[in-house]
Full PDB file with SEQRES, HELIX, SHEET, SSBOND, CRYST1, ORIGX, SCALE, CONECT and MASTER records, all heavy atoms in Angstrom:
SEQRES   1 A   35  GLU TYR LYS GLN SER GLY PHE LEU ILE SER ILE LEU PHE          
SEQRES   2 A   35  SER ALA LEU LEU PHE ALA PHE GLY GLN PHE SER LEU VAL          
SEQRES   3 A   35  ALA PHE PRO ALA PHE LEU PHE VAL GLY                          
HELIX    1 AA1 TYR A    2  SER A    5  5                                   4    
HELIX    2 AA2 PHE A    7  PHE A   20  1                                  14    
HELIX    3 AA3 PHE A   28  VAL A   34  1                                   7    
CRYST1    1.000    1.000    1.000  90.00  90.00  90.00 P 1           1          
ORIGX1      1.000000  0.000000  0.000000        0.00000                         
ORIGX2      0.000000  1.000000  0.000000        0.00000                         
ORIGX3      0.000000  0.000000  1.000000        0.00000                         
SCALE1      1.000000  0.000000  0.000000        0.00000                         
SCALE2      0.000000  1.000000  0.000000        0.00000                         
SCALE3      0.000000  0.000000  1.000000        0.00000                         
ATOM      1  N   GLU A   1       0.802  -1.209   0.002  1.00  0.00           N  
ATOM      2  CA  GLU A   1      -0.005   0.006  -0.006  1.00  0.00           C  
ATOM      3  C   GLU A   1       0.865   1.272  -0.001  1.00  0.00           C  
ATOM      4  O   GLU A   1       0.567   2.230  -0.697  1.00  0.00           O  
ATOM      5  CB  GLU A   1      -0.916  -0.006   1.220  1.00  0.00           C  
ATOM      6  CG  GLU A   1      -2.075  -0.972   1.124  1.00  0.00           C  
ATOM      7  CD  GLU A   1      -3.027  -0.588   0.010  1.00  0.00           C  
ATOM      8  OE1 GLU A   1      -3.921   0.231   0.223  1.00  0.00           O  
ATOM      9  OE2 GLU A   1      -2.848  -1.128  -1.106  1.00  0.00           O  
ATOM     10  N   TYR A   2       1.922   1.264   0.803  1.00  0.00           N  
ATOM     11  CA  TYR A   2       2.778   2.456   0.911  1.00  0.00           C  
ATOM     12  C   TYR A   2       3.796   2.553  -0.216  1.00  0.00           C  
ATOM     13  O   TYR A   2       4.538   3.534  -0.282  1.00  0.00           O  
ATOM     14  CB  TYR A   2       3.523   2.437   2.252  1.00  0.00           C  
ATOM     15  CG  TYR A   2       2.723   2.982   3.407  1.00  0.00           C  
ATOM     16  CD1 TYR A   2       2.218   2.115   4.375  1.00  0.00           C  
ATOM     17  CD2 TYR A   2       2.493   4.342   3.572  1.00  0.00           C  
ATOM     18  CE1 TYR A   2       1.485   2.588   5.470  1.00  0.00           C  
ATOM     19  CE2 TYR A   2       1.776   4.821   4.645  1.00  0.00           C  
ATOM     20  CZ  TYR A   2       1.274   3.951   5.586  1.00  0.00           C  
ATOM     21  OH  TYR A   2       0.556   4.427   6.664  1.00  0.00           O  
ATOM     22  N   LYS A   3       3.866   1.548  -1.091  1.00  0.00           N  
ATOM     23  CA  LYS A   3       4.918   1.501  -2.095  1.00  0.00           C  
ATOM     24  C   LYS A   3       4.905   2.719  -3.012  1.00  0.00           C  
ATOM     25  O   LYS A   3       5.953   3.180  -3.481  1.00  0.00           O  
ATOM     26  CB  LYS A   3       4.785   0.226  -2.926  1.00  0.00           C  
ATOM     27  CG  LYS A   3       5.974  -0.027  -3.839  1.00  0.00           C  
ATOM     28  CD  LYS A   3       5.866  -1.360  -4.564  1.00  0.00           C  
ATOM     29  CE  LYS A   3       6.096  -2.524  -3.637  1.00  0.00           C  
ATOM     30  NZ  LYS A   3       6.136  -3.816  -4.355  1.00  0.00           N  
ATOM     31  N   GLN A   4       3.718   3.277  -3.251  1.00  0.00           N  
ATOM     32  CA  GLN A   4       3.635   4.457  -4.111  1.00  0.00           C  
ATOM     33  C   GLN A   4       4.348   5.660  -3.500  1.00  0.00           C  
ATOM     34  O   GLN A   4       4.676   6.613  -4.200  1.00  0.00           O  
ATOM     35  CB  GLN A   4       2.170   4.808  -4.391  1.00  0.00           C  
ATOM     36  CG  GLN A   4       1.455   3.784  -5.260  1.00  0.00           C  
ATOM     37  CD  GLN A   4       0.064   4.231  -5.655  1.00  0.00           C  
ATOM     38  OE1 GLN A   4      -0.266   5.403  -5.533  1.00  0.00           O  
ATOM     39  NE2 GLN A   4      -0.742   3.311  -6.131  1.00  0.00           N  
ATOM     40  N   SER A   5       4.588   5.608  -2.199  1.00  0.00           N  
ATOM     41  CA  SER A   5       5.287   6.713  -1.533  1.00  0.00           C  
ATOM     42  C   SER A   5       6.793   6.518  -1.540  1.00  0.00           C  
ATOM     43  O   SER A   5       7.534   7.385  -1.064  1.00  0.00           O  
ATOM     44  CB  SER A   5       4.803   6.823  -0.074  1.00  0.00           C  
ATOM     45  OG  SER A   5       3.430   7.141  -0.034  1.00  0.00           O  
ATOM     46  N   GLY A   6       7.294   5.398  -2.054  1.00  0.00           N  
ATOM     47  CA  GLY A   6       8.706   5.151  -2.152  1.00  0.00           C  
ATOM     48  C   GLY A   6       9.216   4.138  -1.149  1.00  0.00           C  
ATOM     49  O   GLY A   6       8.523   3.763  -0.190  1.00  0.00           O  
ATOM     50  N   PHE A   7      10.433   3.696  -1.362  1.00  0.00           N  
ATOM     51  CA  PHE A   7      11.048   2.628  -0.576  1.00  0.00           C  
ATOM     52  C   PHE A   7      11.107   2.972   0.908  1.00  0.00           C  
ATOM     53  O   PHE A   7      10.631   2.227   1.771  1.00  0.00           O  
ATOM     54  CB  PHE A   7      12.449   2.337  -1.109  1.00  0.00           C  
ATOM     55  CG  PHE A   7      13.261   1.411  -0.229  1.00  0.00           C  
ATOM     56  CD1 PHE A   7      13.056   0.046  -0.280  1.00  0.00           C  
ATOM     57  CD2 PHE A   7      14.200   1.927   0.631  1.00  0.00           C  
ATOM     58  CE1 PHE A   7      13.801  -0.800   0.528  1.00  0.00           C  
ATOM     59  CE2 PHE A   7      14.959   1.090   1.441  1.00  0.00           C  
ATOM     60  CZ  PHE A   7      14.753  -0.272   1.384  1.00  0.00           C  
ATOM     61  N   LEU A   8      11.720   4.111   1.249  1.00  0.00           N  
ATOM     62  CA  LEU A   8      11.950   4.450   2.660  1.00  0.00           C  
ATOM     63  C   LEU A   8      10.641   4.609   3.431  1.00  0.00           C  
ATOM     64  O   LEU A   8      10.502   4.123   4.556  1.00  0.00           O  
ATOM     65  CB  LEU A   8      12.768   5.740   2.748  1.00  0.00           C  
ATOM     66  CG  LEU A   8      14.233   5.644   2.305  1.00  0.00           C  
ATOM     67  CD1 LEU A   8      14.885   7.026   2.368  1.00  0.00           C  
ATOM     68  CD2 LEU A   8      15.000   4.644   3.171  1.00  0.00           C  
ATOM     69  N   ILE A   9       9.679   5.276   2.827  1.00  0.00           N  
ATOM     70  CA  ILE A   9       8.403   5.521   3.506  1.00  0.00           C  
ATOM     71  C   ILE A   9       7.630   4.212   3.685  1.00  0.00           C  
ATOM     72  O   ILE A   9       7.051   3.966   4.745  1.00  0.00           O  
ATOM     73  CB  ILE A   9       7.570   6.567   2.741  1.00  0.00           C  
ATOM     74  CG1 ILE A   9       8.266   7.930   2.829  1.00  0.00           C  
ATOM     75  CG2 ILE A   9       6.151   6.648   3.267  1.00  0.00           C  
ATOM     76  CD1 ILE A   9       7.609   9.015   2.026  1.00  0.00           C  
ATOM     77  N   SER A  10       7.618   3.369   2.663  1.00  0.00           N  
ATOM     78  CA  SER A  10       6.881   2.101   2.774  1.00  0.00           C  
ATOM     79  C   SER A  10       7.486   1.208   3.845  1.00  0.00           C  
ATOM     80  O   SER A  10       6.752   0.571   4.625  1.00  0.00           O  
ATOM     81  CB  SER A  10       6.874   1.373   1.423  1.00  0.00           C  
ATOM     82  OG  SER A  10       8.185   0.987   1.048  1.00  0.00           O  
ATOM     83  N   ILE A  11       8.816   1.191   3.945  1.00  0.00           N  
ATOM     84  CA  ILE A  11       9.470   0.362   4.979  1.00  0.00           C  
ATOM     85  C   ILE A  11       9.234   0.948   6.361  1.00  0.00           C  
ATOM     86  O   ILE A  11       8.864   0.241   7.315  1.00  0.00           O  
ATOM     87  CB  ILE A  11      10.972   0.258   4.698  1.00  0.00           C  
ATOM     88  CG1 ILE A  11      11.254  -0.401   3.343  1.00  0.00           C  
ATOM     89  CG2 ILE A  11      11.665  -0.527   5.814  1.00  0.00           C  
ATOM     90  CD1 ILE A  11      10.684  -1.781   3.196  1.00  0.00           C  
ATOM     91  N   LEU A  12       9.448   2.257   6.507  1.00  0.00           N  
ATOM     92  CA  LEU A  12       9.368   2.901   7.820  1.00  0.00           C  
ATOM     93  C   LEU A  12       7.951   2.837   8.398  1.00  0.00           C  
ATOM     94  O   LEU A  12       7.754   2.455   9.563  1.00  0.00           O  
ATOM     95  CB  LEU A  12       9.820   4.349   7.729  1.00  0.00           C  
ATOM     96  CG  LEU A  12       9.708   5.177   9.025  1.00  0.00           C  
ATOM     97  CD1 LEU A  12      10.534   4.558  10.132  1.00  0.00           C  
ATOM     98  CD2 LEU A  12      10.101   6.619   8.784  1.00  0.00           C  
ATOM     99  N   PHE A  13       6.944   3.186   7.593  1.00  0.00           N  
ATOM    100  CA  PHE A  13       5.590   3.280   8.143  1.00  0.00           C  
ATOM    101  C   PHE A  13       4.958   1.912   8.345  1.00  0.00           C  
ATOM    102  O   PHE A  13       4.177   1.729   9.285  1.00  0.00           O  
ATOM    103  CB  PHE A  13       4.721   4.183   7.249  1.00  0.00           C  
ATOM    104  CG  PHE A  13       4.983   5.639   7.499  1.00  0.00           C  
ATOM    105  CD1 PHE A  13       6.003   6.293   6.838  1.00  0.00           C  
ATOM    106  CD2 PHE A  13       4.225   6.339   8.417  1.00  0.00           C  
ATOM    107  CE1 PHE A  13       6.272   7.625   7.079  1.00  0.00           C  
ATOM    108  CE2 PHE A  13       4.481   7.677   8.672  1.00  0.00           C  
ATOM    109  CZ  PHE A  13       5.500   8.328   8.000  1.00  0.00           C  
ATOM    110  N   SER A  14       5.298   0.958   7.515  1.00  0.00           N  
ATOM    111  CA  SER A  14       4.809  -0.412   7.786  1.00  0.00           C  
ATOM    112  C   SER A  14       5.445  -0.948   9.062  1.00  0.00           C  
ATOM    113  O   SER A  14       4.785  -1.639   9.859  1.00  0.00           O  
ATOM    114  CB  SER A  14       5.120  -1.338   6.596  1.00  0.00           C  
ATOM    115  OG  SER A  14       6.524  -1.441   6.380  1.00  0.00           O  
ATOM    116  N   ALA A  15       6.719  -0.599   9.298  1.00  0.00           N  
ATOM    117  CA  ALA A  15       7.409  -1.025  10.521  1.00  0.00           C  
ATOM    118  C   ALA A  15       6.831  -0.346  11.755  1.00  0.00           C  
ATOM    119  O   ALA A  15       6.665  -0.963  12.824  1.00  0.00           O  
ATOM    120  CB  ALA A  15       8.903  -0.754  10.415  1.00  0.00           C  
ATOM    121  N   LEU A  16       6.512   0.942  11.650  1.00  0.00           N  
ATOM    122  CA  LEU A  16       5.914   1.665  12.766  1.00  0.00           C  
ATOM    123  C   LEU A  16       4.559   1.085  13.142  1.00  0.00           C  
ATOM    124  O   LEU A  16       4.251   0.856  14.317  1.00  0.00           O  
ATOM    125  CB  LEU A  16       5.766   3.146  12.420  1.00  0.00           C  
ATOM    126  CG  LEU A  16       7.032   3.990  12.504  1.00  0.00           C  
ATOM    127  CD1 LEU A  16       6.802   5.368  11.907  1.00  0.00           C  
ATOM    128  CD2 LEU A  16       7.502   4.126  13.957  1.00  0.00           C  
ATOM    129  N   LEU A  17       3.727   0.811  12.143  1.00  0.00           N  
ATOM    130  CA  LEU A  17       2.411   0.237  12.400  1.00  0.00           C  
ATOM    131  C   LEU A  17       2.531  -1.167  13.005  1.00  0.00           C  
ATOM    132  O   LEU A  17       1.729  -1.555  13.851  1.00  0.00           O  
ATOM    133  CB  LEU A  17       1.571   0.210  11.122  1.00  0.00           C  
ATOM    134  CG  LEU A  17       1.136   1.588  10.606  1.00  0.00           C  
ATOM    135  CD1 LEU A  17       0.488   1.458   9.221  1.00  0.00           C  
ATOM    136  CD2 LEU A  17       0.176   2.255  11.567  1.00  0.00           C  
ATOM    137  N   PHE A  18       3.537  -1.906  12.578  1.00  0.00           N  
ATOM    138  CA  PHE A  18       3.801  -3.231  13.137  1.00  0.00           C  
ATOM    139  C   PHE A  18       4.211  -3.109  14.607  1.00  0.00           C  
ATOM    140  O   PHE A  18       3.705  -3.843  15.471  1.00  0.00           O  
ATOM    141  CB  PHE A  18       4.908  -3.915  12.337  1.00  0.00           C  
ATOM    142  CG  PHE A  18       5.443  -5.171  12.963  1.00  0.00           C  
ATOM    143  CD1 PHE A  18       4.635  -6.295  13.087  1.00  0.00           C  
ATOM    144  CD2 PHE A  18       6.753  -5.243  13.386  1.00  0.00           C  
ATOM    145  CE1 PHE A  18       5.132  -7.464  13.668  1.00  0.00           C  
ATOM    146  CE2 PHE A  18       7.266  -6.398  13.951  1.00  0.00           C  
ATOM    147  CZ  PHE A  18       6.446  -7.514  14.098  1.00  0.00           C  
ATOM    148  N   ALA A  19       5.121  -2.188  14.911  1.00  0.00           N  
ATOM    149  CA  ALA A  19       5.579  -2.016  16.295  1.00  0.00           C  
ATOM    150  C   ALA A  19       4.460  -1.489  17.189  1.00  0.00           C  
ATOM    151  O   ALA A  19       4.334  -1.908  18.336  1.00  0.00           O  
ATOM    152  CB  ALA A  19       6.773  -1.058  16.325  1.00  0.00           C  
ATOM    153  N   PHE A  20       3.638  -0.580  16.666  1.00  0.00           N  
ATOM    154  CA  PHE A  20       2.482  -0.091  17.446  1.00  0.00           C  
ATOM    155  C   PHE A  20       1.574  -1.255  17.813  1.00  0.00           C  
ATOM    156  O   PHE A  20       1.028  -1.305  18.926  1.00  0.00           O  
ATOM    157  CB  PHE A  20       1.672   0.925  16.630  1.00  0.00           C  
ATOM    158  CG  PHE A  20       2.338   2.258  16.451  1.00  0.00           C  
ATOM    159  CD1 PHE A  20       1.963   3.090  15.402  1.00  0.00           C  
ATOM    160  CD2 PHE A  20       3.324   2.688  17.319  1.00  0.00           C  
ATOM    161  CE1 PHE A  20       2.566   4.326  15.228  1.00  0.00           C  
ATOM    162  CE2 PHE A  20       3.928   3.941  17.151  1.00  0.00           C  
ATOM    163  CZ  PHE A  20       3.557   4.748  16.103  1.00  0.00           C  
ATOM    164  N   GLY A  21       1.406  -2.198  16.894  1.00  0.00           N  
ATOM    165  CA  GLY A  21       0.469  -3.288  17.085  1.00  0.00           C  
ATOM    166  C   GLY A  21       0.869  -4.296  18.146  1.00  0.00           C  
ATOM    167  O   GLY A  21       0.065  -5.153  18.529  1.00  0.00           O  
ATOM    168  N   GLN A  22       2.131  -4.215  18.670  1.00  0.00           N  
ATOM    169  CA  GLN A  22       2.552  -5.125  19.725  1.00  0.00           C  
ATOM    170  C   GLN A  22       2.194  -4.588  21.099  1.00  0.00           C  
ATOM    171  O   GLN A  22       2.288  -5.321  22.091  1.00  0.00           O  
ATOM    172  CB  GLN A  22       4.076  -5.376  19.614  1.00  0.00           C  
ATOM    173  CG  GLN A  22       4.523  -5.784  18.233  1.00  0.00           C  
ATOM    174  CD  GLN A  22       3.827  -6.999  17.691  1.00  0.00           C  
ATOM    175  OE1 GLN A  22       3.542  -7.954  18.422  1.00  0.00           O  
ATOM    176  NE2 GLN A  22       3.508  -6.982  16.394  1.00  0.00           N  
ATOM    177  N   PHE A  23       1.856  -3.299  21.211  1.00  0.00           N  
ATOM    178  CA  PHE A  23       1.422  -2.664  22.453  1.00  0.00           C  
ATOM    179  C   PHE A  23       2.405  -2.926  23.612  1.00  0.00           C  
ATOM    180  O   PHE A  23       2.019  -3.379  24.672  1.00  0.00           O  
ATOM    181  CB  PHE A  23       0.015  -3.118  22.842  1.00  0.00           C  
ATOM    182  CG  PHE A  23      -1.032  -2.629  21.888  1.00  0.00           C  
ATOM    183  CD1 PHE A  23      -1.631  -3.484  20.978  1.00  0.00           C  
ATOM    184  CD2 PHE A  23      -1.405  -1.294  21.882  1.00  0.00           C  
ATOM    185  CE1 PHE A  23      -2.588  -3.018  20.091  1.00  0.00           C  
ATOM    186  CE2 PHE A  23      -2.373  -0.823  21.011  1.00  0.00           C  
ATOM    187  CZ  PHE A  23      -2.970  -1.678  20.106  1.00  0.00           C  
ATOM    188  N   SER A  24       3.678  -2.603  23.375  1.00  0.00           N  
ATOM    189  CA  SER A  24       4.696  -2.748  24.421  1.00  0.00           C  
ATOM    190  C   SER A  24       5.740  -1.662  24.229  1.00  0.00           C  
ATOM    191  O   SER A  24       6.452  -1.650  23.220  1.00  0.00           O  
ATOM    192  CB  SER A  24       5.352  -4.125  24.340  1.00  0.00           C  
ATOM    193  OG  SER A  24       6.445  -4.208  25.238  1.00  0.00           O  
ATOM    194  N   LEU A  25       5.840  -0.750  25.206  1.00  0.00           N  
ATOM    195  CA  LEU A  25       6.845   0.315  25.128  1.00  0.00           C  
ATOM    196  C   LEU A  25       8.256  -0.233  25.192  1.00  0.00           C  
ATOM    197  O   LEU A  25       9.138   0.201  24.452  1.00  0.00           O  
ATOM    198  CB  LEU A  25       6.611   1.319  26.262  1.00  0.00           C  
ATOM    199  CG  LEU A  25       5.508   2.373  26.058  1.00  0.00           C  
ATOM    200  CD1 LEU A  25       5.333   3.180  27.343  1.00  0.00           C  
ATOM    201  CD2 LEU A  25       5.843   3.282  24.901  1.00  0.00           C  
ATOM    202  N   VAL A  26       8.470  -1.208  26.080  1.00  0.00           N  
ATOM    203  CA  VAL A  26       9.814  -1.762  26.250  1.00  0.00           C  
ATOM    204  C   VAL A  26      10.255  -2.498  24.990  1.00  0.00           C  
ATOM    205  O   VAL A  26      11.419  -2.424  24.575  1.00  0.00           O  
ATOM    206  CB  VAL A  26       9.863  -2.707  27.461  1.00  0.00           C  
ATOM    207  CG1 VAL A  26      11.214  -3.386  27.567  1.00  0.00           C  
ATOM    208  CG2 VAL A  26       9.549  -1.930  28.739  1.00  0.00           C  
ATOM    209  N   ALA A  27       9.322  -3.224  24.377  1.00  0.00           N  
ATOM    210  CA  ALA A  27       9.659  -4.018  23.180  1.00  0.00           C  
ATOM    211  C   ALA A  27       9.577  -3.205  21.900  1.00  0.00           C  
ATOM    212  O   ALA A  27       9.943  -3.713  20.827  1.00  0.00           O  
ATOM    213  CB  ALA A  27       8.720  -5.225  23.081  1.00  0.00           C  
ATOM    214  N   PHE A  28       9.125  -1.947  21.970  1.00  0.00           N  
ATOM    215  CA  PHE A  28       8.934  -1.148  20.755  1.00  0.00           C  
ATOM    216  C   PHE A  28      10.188  -1.050  19.900  1.00  0.00           C  
ATOM    217  O   PHE A  28      10.125  -1.255  18.672  1.00  0.00           O  
ATOM    218  CB  PHE A  28       8.411   0.247  21.114  1.00  0.00           C  
ATOM    219  CG  PHE A  28       8.162   1.125  19.925  1.00  0.00           C  
ATOM    220  CD1 PHE A  28       6.968   1.045  19.227  1.00  0.00           C  
ATOM    221  CD2 PHE A  28       9.135   2.036  19.474  1.00  0.00           C  
ATOM    222  CE1 PHE A  28       6.729   1.844  18.117  1.00  0.00           C  
ATOM    223  CE2 PHE A  28       8.902   2.828  18.372  1.00  0.00           C  
ATOM    224  CZ  PHE A  28       7.710   2.745  17.694  1.00  0.00           C  
ATOM    225  N   PRO A  29      11.377  -0.707  20.460  1.00  0.00           N  
ATOM    226  CA  PRO A  29      12.571  -0.589  19.598  1.00  0.00           C  
ATOM    227  C   PRO A  29      12.898  -1.889  18.870  1.00  0.00           C  
ATOM    228  O   PRO A  29      13.267  -1.868  17.692  1.00  0.00           O  
ATOM    229  CB  PRO A  29      13.679  -0.209  20.597  1.00  0.00           C  
ATOM    230  CG  PRO A  29      12.978   0.390  21.758  1.00  0.00           C  
ATOM    231  CD  PRO A  29      11.679  -0.355  21.863  1.00  0.00           C  
ATOM    232  N   ALA A  30      12.740  -3.023  19.582  1.00  0.00           N  
ATOM    233  CA  ALA A  30      13.040  -4.303  18.948  1.00  0.00           C  
ATOM    234  C   ALA A  30      12.074  -4.626  17.828  1.00  0.00           C  
ATOM    235  O   ALA A  30      12.481  -5.052  16.734  1.00  0.00           O  
ATOM    236  CB  ALA A  30      13.009  -5.412  20.005  1.00  0.00           C  
ATOM    237  N   PHE A  31      10.786  -4.405  18.057  1.00  0.00           N  
ATOM    238  CA  PHE A  31       9.800  -4.692  17.019  1.00  0.00           C  
ATOM    239  C   PHE A  31       9.902  -3.710  15.847  1.00  0.00           C  
ATOM    240  O   PHE A  31       9.617  -4.075  14.706  1.00  0.00           O  
ATOM    241  CB  PHE A  31       8.383  -4.694  17.601  1.00  0.00           C  
ATOM    242  CG  PHE A  31       8.047  -5.956  18.323  1.00  0.00           C  
ATOM    243  CD1 PHE A  31       7.856  -5.965  19.703  1.00  0.00           C  
ATOM    244  CD2 PHE A  31       7.921  -7.149  17.630  1.00  0.00           C  
ATOM    245  CE1 PHE A  31       7.537  -7.136  20.366  1.00  0.00           C  
ATOM    246  CE2 PHE A  31       7.605  -8.323  18.282  1.00  0.00           C  
ATOM    247  CZ  PHE A  31       7.435  -8.320  19.660  1.00  0.00           C  
ATOM    248  N   LEU A  32      10.280  -2.471  16.140  1.00  0.00           N  
ATOM    249  CA  LEU A  32      10.514  -1.522  15.042  1.00  0.00           C  
ATOM    250  C   LEU A  32      11.658  -2.026  14.162  1.00  0.00           C  
ATOM    251  O   LEU A  32      11.578  -1.983  12.929  1.00  0.00           O  
ATOM    252  CB  LEU A  32      10.824  -0.146  15.603  1.00  0.00           C  
ATOM    253  CG  LEU A  32      11.083   0.963  14.560  1.00  0.00           C  
ATOM    254  CD1 LEU A  32       9.854   1.180  13.677  1.00  0.00           C  
ATOM    255  CD2 LEU A  32      11.488   2.252  15.257  1.00  0.00           C  
ATOM    256  N   PHE A  33      12.733  -2.499  14.810  1.00  0.00           N  
ATOM    257  CA  PHE A  33      13.871  -3.049  14.067  1.00  0.00           C  
ATOM    258  C   PHE A  33      13.448  -4.263  13.248  1.00  0.00           C  
ATOM    259  O   PHE A  33      13.800  -4.384  12.072  1.00  0.00           O  
ATOM    260  CB  PHE A  33      14.982  -3.424  15.057  1.00  0.00           C  
ATOM    261  CG  PHE A  33      16.124  -4.175  14.437  1.00  0.00           C  
ATOM    262  CD1 PHE A  33      17.048  -3.527  13.629  1.00  0.00           C  
ATOM    263  CD2 PHE A  33      16.283  -5.531  14.667  1.00  0.00           C  
ATOM    264  CE1 PHE A  33      18.100  -4.213  13.051  1.00  0.00           C  
ATOM    265  CE2 PHE A  33      17.337  -6.233  14.106  1.00  0.00           C  
ATOM    266  CZ  PHE A  33      18.245  -5.576  13.280  1.00  0.00           C  
ATOM    267  N   VAL A  34      12.693  -5.160  13.873  1.00  0.00           N  
ATOM    268  CA  VAL A  34      12.196  -6.343  13.150  1.00  0.00           C  
ATOM    269  C   VAL A  34      11.348  -5.934  11.952  1.00  0.00           C  
ATOM    270  O   VAL A  34      11.490  -6.472  10.854  1.00  0.00           O  
ATOM    271  CB  VAL A  34      11.377  -7.251  14.094  1.00  0.00           C  
ATOM    272  CG1 VAL A  34      10.674  -8.371  13.303  1.00  0.00           C  
ATOM    273  CG2 VAL A  34      12.268  -7.860  15.160  1.00  0.00           C  
ATOM    274  N   GLY A  35      10.480  -4.950  12.155  1.00  0.00           N  
ATOM    275  CA  GLY A  35       9.615  -4.478  11.066  1.00  0.00           C  
ATOM    276  C   GLY A  35      10.403  -3.905   9.906  1.00  0.00           C  
ATOM    277  O   GLY A  35      10.080  -4.143   8.739  1.00  0.00           O  
TER     278      GLY A  35                                                      
MASTER        0    0    0    3    0    0    0    6  277    1    0    3          
END                                                                             
């Protein structure tokens, strides 16, 4: 979905939404990295 916005934006925002979906502040950096 985000691909039309370019590589960096599609990767970053899909990763942010993934990390948000884990609902853990402590685990947020790790899940952002995984995303």
